[in-house]
Amino acid sequence: GTWKKSKGVMANGELFNENNYTCAVYGYKFGTILKVTNTETSASVQVVVKDRIGKRFKGKRIDLSRKSFEQIANLRQGIIPVKVEVIKGGEYEKNRKE
């Protein structure tokens, strides 16, 4: 997929590190701090938006780094239902142009 093309460089220009509390999401400004809560267990984690995912996932998906996901669920689960809240930073970019 995209890892081959990007060589691990995120959309904000930084090198991806799976041990940081980061996420990839569509629509939030880089640097925004989000609280992501597992709706099944109420476990939550704060992450910083540092990468983008495809427009087709707008409002449907957030990709968490390994370290972030481990805080709210077992890695074997893969996909879980979550609630996303803005803690600090930019708001959702409603008119974001790609």
PDB file of N, CA and C in Angstrom:
ATOM      1  N   GLY A   1       0.793  -1.188   0.000  1.00  0.00           N
ATOM      2  CA  GLY A   1       0.000   0.000   0.000  1.00  0.00           C
ATOM      3  C   GLY A   1       0.837   1.253   0.000  1.00  0.00           C
ATOM      4  N   THR A   2       0.383   2.193   0.784  1.00  0.00           N
ATOM      5  CA  THR A   2       1.009   3.511   0.792  1.00  0.00           C
ATOM      6  C   THR A   2       2.370   3.517   1.483  1.00  0.00           C
ATOM      7  N   TRP A   3       2.636   2.535   2.347  1.00  0.00           N
ATOM      8  CA  TRP A   3       3.927   2.489   3.045  1.00  0.00           C
ATOM      9  C   TRP A   3       5.079   2.417   2.049  1.00  0.00           C
ATOM     10  N   LYS A   4       4.913   1.646   0.973  1.00  0.00           N
ATOM     11  CA  LYS A   4       5.954   1.530  -0.048  1.00  0.00           C
ATOM     12  C   LYS A   4       6.258   2.884  -0.679  1.00  0.00           C
ATOM     13  N   LYS A   5       5.220   3.647  -0.946  1.00  0.00           N
ATOM     14  CA  LYS A   5       5.392   4.951  -1.597  1.00  0.00           C
ATOM     15  C   LYS A   5       5.932   6.003  -0.647  1.00  0.00           C
ATOM     16  N   SER A   6       5.450   6.006   0.597  1.00  0.00           N
ATOM     17  CA  SER A   6       5.817   7.065   1.540  1.00  0.00           C
ATOM     18  C   SER A   6       7.126   6.796   2.282  1.00  0.00           C
ATOM     19  N   LYS A   7       7.570   5.543   2.291  1.00  0.00           N
ATOM     20  CA  LYS A   7       8.778   5.138   3.038  1.00  0.00           C
ATOM     21  C   LYS A   7       8.649   5.500   4.517  1.00  0.00           C
ATOM     22  N   GLY A   8       7.407   5.504   5.036  1.00  0.00           N
ATOM     23  CA  GLY A   8       7.181   5.780   6.444  1.00  0.00           C
ATOM     24  C   GLY A   8       7.066   7.245   6.802  1.00  0.00           C
ATOM     25  N   VAL A   9       7.080   8.129   5.813  1.00  0.00           N
ATOM     26  CA  VAL A   9       6.941   9.555   6.087  1.00  0.00           C
ATOM     27  C   VAL A   9       5.455   9.896   6.098  1.00  0.00           C
ATOM     28  N   MET A  10       5.005  10.531   7.194  1.00  0.00           N
ATOM     29  CA  MET A  10       3.599  10.895   7.327  1.00  0.00           C
ATOM     30  C   MET A  10       3.291  12.154   6.503  1.00  0.00           C
ATOM     31  N   ALA A  11       2.023  12.462   6.365  1.00  0.00           N
ATOM     32  CA  ALA A  11       1.596  13.613   5.574  1.00  0.00           C
ATOM     33  C   ALA A  11       2.130  14.934   6.122  1.00  0.00           C
ATOM     34  N   ASN A  12       2.450  14.990   7.417  1.00  0.00           N
ATOM     35  CA  ASN A  12       2.993  16.227   7.983  1.00  0.00           C
ATOM     36  C   ASN A  12       4.508  16.333   7.788  1.00  0.00           C
ATOM     37  N   GLY A  13       5.121  15.330   7.168  1.00  0.00           N
ATOM     38  CA  GLY A  13       6.556  15.354   6.867  1.00  0.00           C
ATOM     39  C   GLY A  13       7.424  14.609   7.865  1.00  0.00           C
ATOM     40  N   GLU A  14       6.868  14.195   8.991  1.00  0.00           N
ATOM     41  CA  GLU A  14       7.638  13.472  10.006  1.00  0.00           C
ATOM     42  C   GLU A  14       7.679  11.976   9.684  1.00  0.00           C
ATOM     43  N   LEU A  15       8.700  11.303  10.212  1.00  0.00           N
ATOM     44  CA  LEU A  15       8.824   9.859  10.057  1.00  0.00           C
ATOM     45  C   LEU A  15       7.897   9.178  11.056  1.00  0.00           C
ATOM     46  N   PHE A  16       7.121   8.200  10.610  1.00  0.00           N
ATOM     47  CA  PHE A  16       6.181   7.495  11.473  1.00  0.00           C
ATOM     48  C   PHE A  16       6.924   6.660  12.506  1.00  0.00           C
ATOM     49  N   ASN A  17       6.441   6.707  13.740  1.00  0.00           N
ATOM     50  CA  ASN A  17       6.983   5.896  14.829  1.00  0.00           C
ATOM     51  C   ASN A  17       5.797   5.253  15.528  1.00  0.00           C
ATOM     52  N   GLU A  18       5.698   3.941  15.479  1.00  0.00           N
ATOM     53  CA  GLU A  18       4.554   3.233  16.059  1.00  0.00           C
ATOM     54  C   GLU A  18       4.490   3.331  17.582  1.00  0.00           C
ATOM     55  N   ASN A  19       5.545   3.842  18.210  1.00  0.00           N
ATOM     56  CA  ASN A  19       5.579   3.987  19.662  1.00  0.00           C
ATOM     57  C   ASN A  19       5.165   5.371  20.148  1.00  0.00           C
ATOM     58  N   ASN A  20       4.719   6.233  19.247  1.00  0.00           N
ATOM     59  CA  ASN A  20       4.220   7.552  19.618  1.00  0.00           C
ATOM     60  C   ASN A  20       2.699   7.528  19.654  1.00  0.00           C
ATOM     61  N   TYR A  21       2.127   8.458  20.367  1.00  0.00           N
ATOM     62  CA  TYR A  21       0.664   8.567  20.451  1.00  0.00           C
ATOM     63  C   TYR A  21       0.169   9.462  19.313  1.00  0.00           C
ATOM     64  N   THR A  22       0.048   8.859  18.128  1.00  0.00           N
ATOM     65  CA  THR A  22      -0.344   9.605  16.942  1.00  0.00           C
ATOM     66  C   THR A  22      -1.498   8.899  16.227  1.00  0.00           C
ATOM     67  N   CYS A  23      -2.096   9.633  15.278  1.00  0.00           N
ATOM     68  CA  CYS A  23      -3.173   9.045  14.491  1.00  0.00           C
ATOM     69  C   CYS A  23      -3.187   9.633  13.086  1.00  0.00           C
ATOM     70  N   ALA A  24      -3.883   8.928  12.217  1.00  0.00           N
ATOM     71  CA  ALA A  24      -4.153   9.400  10.861  1.00  0.00           C
ATOM     72  C   ALA A  24      -5.670   9.469  10.748  1.00  0.00           C
ATOM     73  N   VAL A  25      -6.153  10.602  10.282  1.00  0.00           N
ATOM     74  CA  VAL A  25      -7.601  10.807  10.181  1.00  0.00           C
ATOM     75  C   VAL A  25      -7.858  11.844   9.085  1.00  0.00           C
ATOM     76  N   TYR A  26      -9.029  11.815   8.520  1.00  0.00           N
ATOM     77  CA  TYR A  26      -9.384  12.791   7.500  1.00  0.00           C
ATOM     78  C   TYR A  26     -10.146  13.942   8.149  1.00  0.00           C
ATOM     79  N   GLY A  27      -9.751  15.165   7.878  1.00  0.00           N
ATOM     80  CA  GLY A  27     -10.546  16.317   8.260  1.00  0.00           C
ATOM     81  C   GLY A  27     -10.065  17.148   9.423  1.00  0.00           C
ATOM     82  N   TYR A  28      -9.203  16.618  10.287  1.00  0.00           N
ATOM     83  CA  TYR A  28      -8.696  17.400  11.407  1.00  0.00           C
ATOM     84  C   TYR A  28      -7.339  17.987  11.041  1.00  0.00           C
ATOM     85  N   LYS A  29      -7.058  19.196  11.530  1.00  0.00           N
ATOM     86  CA  LYS A  29      -5.779  19.850  11.252  1.00  0.00           C
ATOM     87  C   LYS A  29      -4.638  19.119  11.955  1.00  0.00           C
ATOM     88  N   PHE A  30      -3.454  19.133  11.343  1.00  0.00           N
ATOM     89  CA  PHE A  30      -2.272  18.555  11.981  1.00  0.00           C
ATOM     90  C   PHE A  30      -2.039  19.250  13.319  1.00  0.00           C
ATOM     91  N   GLY A  31      -1.661  18.471  14.320  1.00  0.00           N
ATOM     92  CA  GLY A  31      -1.405  19.021  15.643  1.00  0.00           C
ATOM     93  C   GLY A  31      -2.605  18.994  16.567  1.00  0.00           C
ATOM     94  N   THR A  32      -3.780  18.714  16.027  1.00  0.00           N
ATOM     95  CA  THR A  32      -4.974  18.626  16.864  1.00  0.00           C
ATOM     96  C   THR A  32      -4.837  17.440  17.811  1.00  0.00           C
ATOM     97  N   ILE A  33      -5.179  17.641  19.071  1.00  0.00           N
ATOM     98  CA  ILE A  33      -5.151  16.554  20.044  1.00  0.00           C
ATOM     99  C   ILE A  33      -6.568  16.012  20.175  1.00  0.00           C
ATOM    100  N   LEU A  34      -6.701  14.709  19.975  1.00  0.00           N
ATOM    101  CA  LEU A  34      -8.001  14.045  20.029  1.00  0.00           C
ATOM    102  C   LEU A  34      -8.032  13.049  21.178  1.00  0.00           C
ATOM    103  N   LYS A  35      -9.189  12.908  21.783  1.00  0.00           N
ATOM    104  CA  LYS A  35      -9.412  11.847  22.760  1.00  0.00           C
ATOM    105  C   LYS A  35     -10.203  10.771  22.043  1.00  0.00           C
ATOM    106  N   VAL A  36      -9.650   9.565  21.987  1.00  0.00           N
ATOM    107  CA  VAL A  36     -10.291   8.445  21.311  1.00  0.00           C
ATOM    108  C   VAL A  36     -10.706   7.448  22.386  1.00  0.00           C
ATOM    109  N   THR A  37     -12.004   7.152  22.439  1.00  0.00           N
ATOM    110  CA  THR A  37     -12.546   6.268  23.465  1.00  0.00           C
ATOM    111  C   THR A  37     -13.147   5.021  22.837  1.00  0.00           C
ATOM    112  N   ASN A  38     -12.752   3.868  23.350  1.00  0.00           N
ATOM    113  CA  ASN A  38     -13.332   2.590  22.943  1.00  0.00           C
ATOM    114  C   ASN A  38     -14.740   2.557  23.539  1.00  0.00           C
ATOM    115  N   THR A  39     -15.777   2.540  22.701  1.00  0.00           N
ATOM    116  CA  THR A  39     -17.148   2.614  23.199  1.00  0.00           C
ATOM    117  C   THR A  39     -17.606   1.338  23.896  1.00  0.00           C
ATOM    118  N   GLU A  40     -16.878   0.257  23.728  1.00  0.00           N
ATOM    119  CA  GLU A  40     -17.243  -1.001  24.388  1.00  0.00           C
ATOM    120  C   GLU A  40     -16.658  -1.114  25.793  1.00  0.00           C
ATOM    121  N   THR A  41     -15.486  -0.495  26.024  1.00  0.00           N
ATOM    122  CA  THR A  41     -14.813  -0.637  27.320  1.00  0.00           C
ATOM    123  C   THR A  41     -14.631   0.686  28.067  1.00  0.00           C
ATOM    124  N   SER A  42     -14.870   1.795  27.403  1.00  0.00           N
ATOM    125  CA  SER A  42     -14.673   3.153  27.939  1.00  0.00           C
ATOM    126  C   SER A  42     -13.206   3.517  28.135  1.00  0.00           C
ATOM    127  N   ALA A  43     -12.279   2.674  27.709  1.00  0.00           N
ATOM    128  CA  ALA A  43     -10.854   3.010  27.766  1.00  0.00           C
ATOM    129  C   ALA A  43     -10.587   4.113  26.747  1.00  0.00           C
ATOM    130  N   SER A  44      -9.723   5.071  27.117  1.00  0.00           N
ATOM    131  CA  SER A  44      -9.454   6.164  26.187  1.00  0.00           C
ATOM    132  C   SER A  44      -7.970   6.493  26.133  1.00  0.00           C
ATOM    133  N   VAL A  45      -7.604   7.213  25.073  1.00  0.00           N
ATOM    134  CA  VAL A  45      -6.224   7.629  24.854  1.00  0.00           C
ATOM    135  C   VAL A  45      -6.253   8.972  24.129  1.00  0.00           C
ATOM    136  N   GLN A  46      -5.255   9.810  24.403  1.00  0.00           N
ATOM    137  CA  GLN A  46      -5.126  11.071  23.673  1.00  0.00           C
ATOM    138  C   GLN A  46      -4.048  10.908  22.619  1.00  0.00           C
ATOM    139  N   VAL A  47      -4.355  11.353  21.415  1.00  0.00           N
ATOM    140  CA  VAL A  47      -3.426  11.235  20.285  1.00  0.00           C
ATOM    141  C   VAL A  47      -3.328  12.565  19.544  1.00  0.00           C
ATOM    142  N   VAL A  48      -2.238  12.722  18.806  1.00  0.00           N
ATOM    143  CA  VAL A  48      -2.018  13.920  18.003  1.00  0.00           C
ATOM    144  C   VAL A  48      -2.201  13.557  16.529  1.00  0.00           C
ATOM    145  N   VAL A  49      -2.944  14.391  15.799  1.00  0.00           N
ATOM    146  CA  VAL A  49      -3.151  14.178  14.363  1.00  0.00           C
ATOM    147  C   VAL A  49      -1.859  14.535  13.642  1.00  0.00           C
ATOM    148  N   LYS A  50      -1.277  13.532  12.968  1.00  0.00           N
ATOM    149  CA  LYS A  50      -0.025  13.759  12.244  1.00  0.00           C
ATOM    150  C   LYS A  50      -0.050  13.205  10.833  1.00  0.00           C
ATOM    151  N   ASP A  51      -1.136  12.529  10.466  1.00  0.00           N
ATOM    152  CA  ASP A  51      -1.193  11.902   9.148  1.00  0.00           C
ATOM    153  C   ASP A  51      -2.628  11.928   8.643  1.00  0.00           C
ATOM    154  N   ARG A  52      -2.810  11.636   7.383  1.00  0.00           N
ATOM    155  CA  ARG A  52      -4.111  11.620   6.733  1.00  0.00           C
ATOM    156  C   ARG A  52      -4.465  10.218   6.273  1.00  0.00           C
ATOM    157  N   ILE A  53      -5.769   9.964   6.212  1.00  0.00           N
ATOM    158  CA  ILE A  53      -6.265   8.762   5.556  1.00  0.00           C
ATOM    159  C   ILE A  53      -7.142   9.220   4.405  1.00  0.00           C
ATOM    160  N   GLY A  54      -7.549   8.296   3.568  1.00  0.00           N
ATOM    161  CA  GLY A  54      -8.320   8.629   2.381  1.00  0.00           C
ATOM    162  C   GLY A  54      -9.663   9.277   2.669  1.00  0.00           C
ATOM    163  N   LYS A  55     -10.095  10.115   1.741  1.00  0.00           N
ATOM    164  CA  LYS A  55     -11.364  10.830   1.856  1.00  0.00           C
ATOM    165  C   LYS A  55     -12.548   9.876   2.000  1.00  0.00           C
ATOM    166  N   ARG A  56     -12.427   8.685   1.452  1.00  0.00           N
ATOM    167  CA  ARG A  56     -13.536   7.725   1.522  1.00  0.00           C
ATOM    168  C   ARG A  56     -13.831   7.284   2.955  1.00  0.00           C
ATOM    169  N   PHE A  57     -12.870   7.532   3.881  1.00  0.00           N
ATOM    170  CA  PHE A  57     -13.048   7.160   5.284  1.00  0.00           C
ATOM    171  C   PHE A  57     -13.501   8.339   6.144  1.00  0.00           C
ATOM    172  N   LYS A  58     -13.804   9.465   5.515  1.00  0.00           N
ATOM    173  CA  LYS A  58     -14.216  10.679   6.224  1.00  0.00           C
ATOM    174  C   LYS A  58     -15.360  10.383   7.195  1.00  0.00           C
ATOM    175  N   GLY A  59     -15.132  10.668   8.467  1.00  0.00           N
ATOM    176  CA  GLY A  59     -16.146  10.472   9.486  1.00  0.00           C
ATOM    177  C   GLY A  59     -16.406   9.028   9.870  1.00  0.00           C
ATOM    178  N   LYS A  60     -15.634   8.089   9.306  1.00  0.00           N
ATOM    179  CA  LYS A  60     -15.872   6.669   9.547  1.00  0.00           C
ATOM    180  C   LYS A  60     -14.702   5.962  10.213  1.00  0.00           C
ATOM    181  N   ARG A  61     -13.506   6.528  10.086  1.00  0.00           N
ATOM    182  CA  ARG A  61     -12.334   5.777  10.508  1.00  0.00           C
ATOM    183  C   ARG A  61     -11.239   6.707  11.023  1.00  0.00           C
ATOM    184  N   ILE A  62     -10.502   6.211  11.989  1.00  0.00           N
ATOM    185  CA  ILE A  62      -9.299   6.876  12.491  1.00  0.00           C
ATOM    186  C   ILE A  62      -8.256   5.773  12.672  1.00  0.00           C
ATOM    187  N   ASP A  63      -7.074   5.979  12.151  1.00  0.00           N
ATOM    188  CA  ASP A  63      -5.998   4.994  12.277  1.00  0.00           C
ATOM    189  C   ASP A  63      -5.078   5.422  13.415  1.00  0.00           C
ATOM    190  N   LEU A  64      -4.955   4.565  14.414  1.00  0.00           N
ATOM    191  CA  LEU A  64      -4.108   4.852  15.563  1.00  0.00           C
ATOM    192  C   LEU A  64      -2.769   4.152  15.435  1.00  0.00           C
ATOM    193  N   SER A  65      -1.728   4.775  15.990  1.00  0.00           N
ATOM    194  CA  SER A  65      -0.433   4.103  16.061  1.00  0.00           C
ATOM    195  C   SER A  65      -0.585   2.888  16.971  1.00  0.00           C
ATOM    196  N   ARG A  66       0.332   1.962  16.863  1.00  0.00           N
ATOM    197  CA  ARG A  66       0.296   0.740  17.671  1.00  0.00           C
ATOM    198  C   ARG A  66       0.216   1.066  19.163  1.00  0.00           C
ATOM    199  N   LYS A  67       1.070   1.976  19.626  1.00  0.00           N
ATOM    200  CA  LYS A  67       1.112   2.356  21.042  1.00  0.00           C
ATOM    201  C   LYS A  67      -0.238   2.905  21.494  1.00  0.00           C
ATOM    202  N   SER A  68      -0.866   3.715  20.668  1.00  0.00           N
ATOM    203  CA  SER A  68      -2.164   4.308  21.005  1.00  0.00           C
ATOM    204  C   SER A  68      -3.247   3.244  21.084  1.00  0.00           C
ATOM    205  N   PHE A  69      -3.291   2.368  20.096  1.00  0.00           N
ATOM    206  CA  PHE A  69      -4.324   1.338  20.053  1.00  0.00           C
ATOM    207  C   PHE A  69      -4.218   0.396  21.246  1.00  0.00           C
ATOM    208  N   GLU A  70      -2.981   0.068  21.639  1.00  0.00           N
ATOM    209  CA  GLU A  70      -2.761  -0.832  22.780  1.00  0.00           C
ATOM    210  C   GLU A  70      -3.353  -0.284  24.074  1.00  0.00           C
ATOM    211  N   GLN A  71      -3.500   1.033  24.152  1.00  0.00           N
ATOM    212  CA  GLN A  71      -4.041   1.644  25.363  1.00  0.00           C
ATOM    213  C   GLN A  71      -5.550   1.442  25.503  1.00  0.00           C
ATOM    214  N   ILE A  72      -6.232   1.172  24.389  1.00  0.00           N
ATOM    215  CA  ILE A  72      -7.691   1.073  24.450  1.00  0.00           C
ATOM    216  C   ILE A  72      -8.253  -0.285  24.032  1.00  0.00           C
ATOM    217  N   ALA A  73      -7.408  -1.140  23.453  1.00  0.00           N
ATOM    218  CA  ALA A  73      -7.898  -2.452  23.008  1.00  0.00           C
ATOM    219  C   ALA A  73      -6.733  -3.405  22.776  1.00  0.00           C
ATOM    220  N   ASN A  74      -7.069  -4.682  22.658  1.00  0.00           N
ATOM    221  CA  ASN A  74      -6.094  -5.708  22.324  1.00  0.00           C
ATOM    222  C   ASN A  74      -5.780  -5.599  20.831  1.00  0.00           C
ATOM    223  N   LEU A  75      -4.516  -5.641  20.488  1.00  0.00           N
ATOM    224  CA  LEU A  75      -4.114  -5.508  19.084  1.00  0.00           C
ATOM    225  C   LEU A  75      -4.786  -6.536  18.174  1.00  0.00           C
ATOM    226  N   ARG A  76      -5.140  -7.681  18.704  1.00  0.00           N
ATOM    227  CA  ARG A  76      -5.773  -8.718  17.884  1.00  0.00           C
ATOM    228  C   ARG A  76      -7.163  -8.310  17.391  1.00  0.00           C
ATOM    229  N   GLN A  77      -7.775  -7.330  18.066  1.00  0.00           N
ATOM    230  CA  GLN A  77      -9.108  -6.894  17.664  1.00  0.00           C
ATOM    231  C   GLN A  77      -9.098  -6.177  16.320  1.00  0.00           C
ATOM    232  N   GLY A  78      -8.062  -5.424  16.053  1.00  0.00           N
ATOM    233  CA  GLY A  78      -7.929  -4.750  14.754  1.00  0.00           C
ATOM    234  C   GLY A  78      -8.821  -3.546  14.562  1.00  0.00           C
ATOM    235  N   ILE A  79     -10.124  -3.750  14.480  1.00  0.00           N
ATOM    236  CA  ILE A  79     -11.064  -2.649  14.276  1.00  0.00           C
ATOM    237  C   ILE A  79     -12.054  -2.651  15.433  1.00  0.00           C
ATOM    238  N   ILE A  80     -12.240  -1.467  16.039  1.00  0.00           N
ATOM    239  CA  ILE A  80     -13.165  -1.342  17.166  1.00  0.00           C
ATOM    240  C   ILE A  80     -14.013  -0.079  17.006  1.00  0.00           C
ATOM    241  N   PRO A  81     -15.189  -0.034  17.625  1.00  0.00           N
ATOM    242  CA  PRO A  81     -15.982   1.193  17.586  1.00  0.00           C
ATOM    243  C   PRO A  81     -15.418   2.206  18.590  1.00  0.00           C
ATOM    244  N   VAL A  82     -15.261   3.458  18.149  1.00  0.00           N
ATOM    245  CA  VAL A  82     -14.694   4.496  19.014  1.00  0.00           C
ATOM    246  C   VAL A  82     -15.501   5.788  18.922  1.00  0.00           C
ATOM    247  N   LYS A  83     -15.307   6.615  19.939  1.00  0.00           N
ATOM    248  CA  LYS A  83     -15.842   7.970  19.957  1.00  0.00           C
ATOM    249  C   LYS A  83     -14.632   8.892  19.901  1.00  0.00           C
ATOM    250  N   VAL A  84     -14.695   9.942  19.064  1.00  0.00           N
ATOM    251  CA  VAL A  84     -13.576  10.868  18.898  1.00  0.00           C
ATOM    252  C   VAL A  84     -14.011  12.259  19.348  1.00  0.00           C
ATOM    253  N   GLU A  85     -13.201  12.860  20.241  1.00  0.00           N
ATOM    254  CA  GLU A  85     -13.483  14.208  20.734  1.00  0.00           C
ATOM    255  C   GLU A  85     -12.242  15.077  20.582  1.00  0.00           C
ATOM    256  N   VAL A  86     -12.428  16.346  20.233  1.00  0.00           N
ATOM    257  CA  VAL A  86     -11.314  17.282  20.146  1.00  0.00           C
ATOM    258  C   VAL A  86     -10.977  17.769  21.549  1.00  0.00           C
ATOM    259  N   ILE A  87      -9.713  17.625  21.937  1.00  0.00           N
ATOM    260  CA  ILE A  87      -9.230  18.097  23.235  1.00  0.00           C
ATOM    261  C   ILE A  87      -8.604  19.480  23.071  1.00  0.00           C
ATOM    262  N   LYS A  88      -7.757  19.619  22.057  1.00  0.00           N
ATOM    263  CA  LYS A  88      -7.052  20.884  21.847  1.00  0.00           C
ATOM    264  C   LYS A  88      -6.647  21.008  20.383  1.00  0.00           C
ATOM    265  N   GLY A  89      -6.752  22.204  19.861  1.00  0.00           N
ATOM    266  CA  GLY A  89      -6.278  22.448  18.505  1.00  0.00           C
ATOM    267  C   GLY A  89      -7.402  22.738  17.550  1.00  0.00           C
ATOM    268  N   GLY A  90      -7.104  22.493  16.286  1.00  0.00           N
ATOM    269  CA  GLY A  90      -8.040  22.821  15.228  1.00  0.00           C
ATOM    270  C   GLY A  90      -9.324  22.040  15.288  1.00  0.00           C
ATOM    271  N   GLU A  91     -10.348  22.650  14.771  1.00  0.00           N
ATOM    272  CA  GLU A  91     -11.638  21.971  14.665  1.00  0.00           C
ATOM    273  C   GLU A  91     -11.658  21.118  13.412  1.00  0.00           C
ATOM    274  N   TYR A  92     -12.737  20.364  13.283  1.00  0.00           N
ATOM    275  CA  TYR A  92     -12.911  19.552  12.092  1.00  0.00           C
ATOM    276  C   TYR A  92     -13.013  20.466  10.885  1.00  0.00           C
ATOM    277  N   GLU A  93     -12.285  20.167   9.846  1.00  0.00           N
ATOM    278  CA  GLU A  93     -12.261  20.989   8.632  1.00  0.00           C
ATOM    279  C   GLU A  93     -13.401  20.579   7.719  1.00  0.00           C
ATOM    280  N   LYS A  94     -14.568  21.201   7.877  1.00  0.00           N
ATOM    281  CA  LYS A  94     -15.759  20.837   7.130  1.00  0.00           C
ATOM    282  C   LYS A  94     -15.613  21.027   5.631  1.00  0.00           C
ATOM    283  N   ASN A  95     -14.883  22.060   5.249  1.00  0.00           N
ATOM    284  CA  ASN A  95     -14.734  22.358   3.822  1.00  0.00           C
ATOM    285  C   ASN A  95     -13.339  22.039   3.316  1.00  0.00           C
ATOM    286  N   ARG A  96     -12.747  21.011   3.873  1.00  0.00           N
ATOM    287  CA  ARG A  96     -11.389  20.610   3.515  1.00  0.00           C
ATOM    288  C   ARG A  96     -11.303  20.256   2.041  1.00  0.00           C
ATOM    289  N   LYS A  97     -10.310  20.798   1.368  1.00  0.00           N
ATOM    290  CA  LYS A  97     -10.122  20.510  -0.060  1.00  0.00           C
ATOM    291  C   LYS A  97      -8.886  19.659  -0.248  1.00  0.00           C
ATOM    292  N   GLU A  98      -9.021  18.650  -1.044  1.00  0.00           N
ATOM    293  CA  GLU A  98      -7.908  17.725  -1.320  1.00  0.00           C
ATOM    294  C   GLU A  98      -7.474  17.900  -2.755  1.00  0.00           C
TER     295      GLU A  98
END
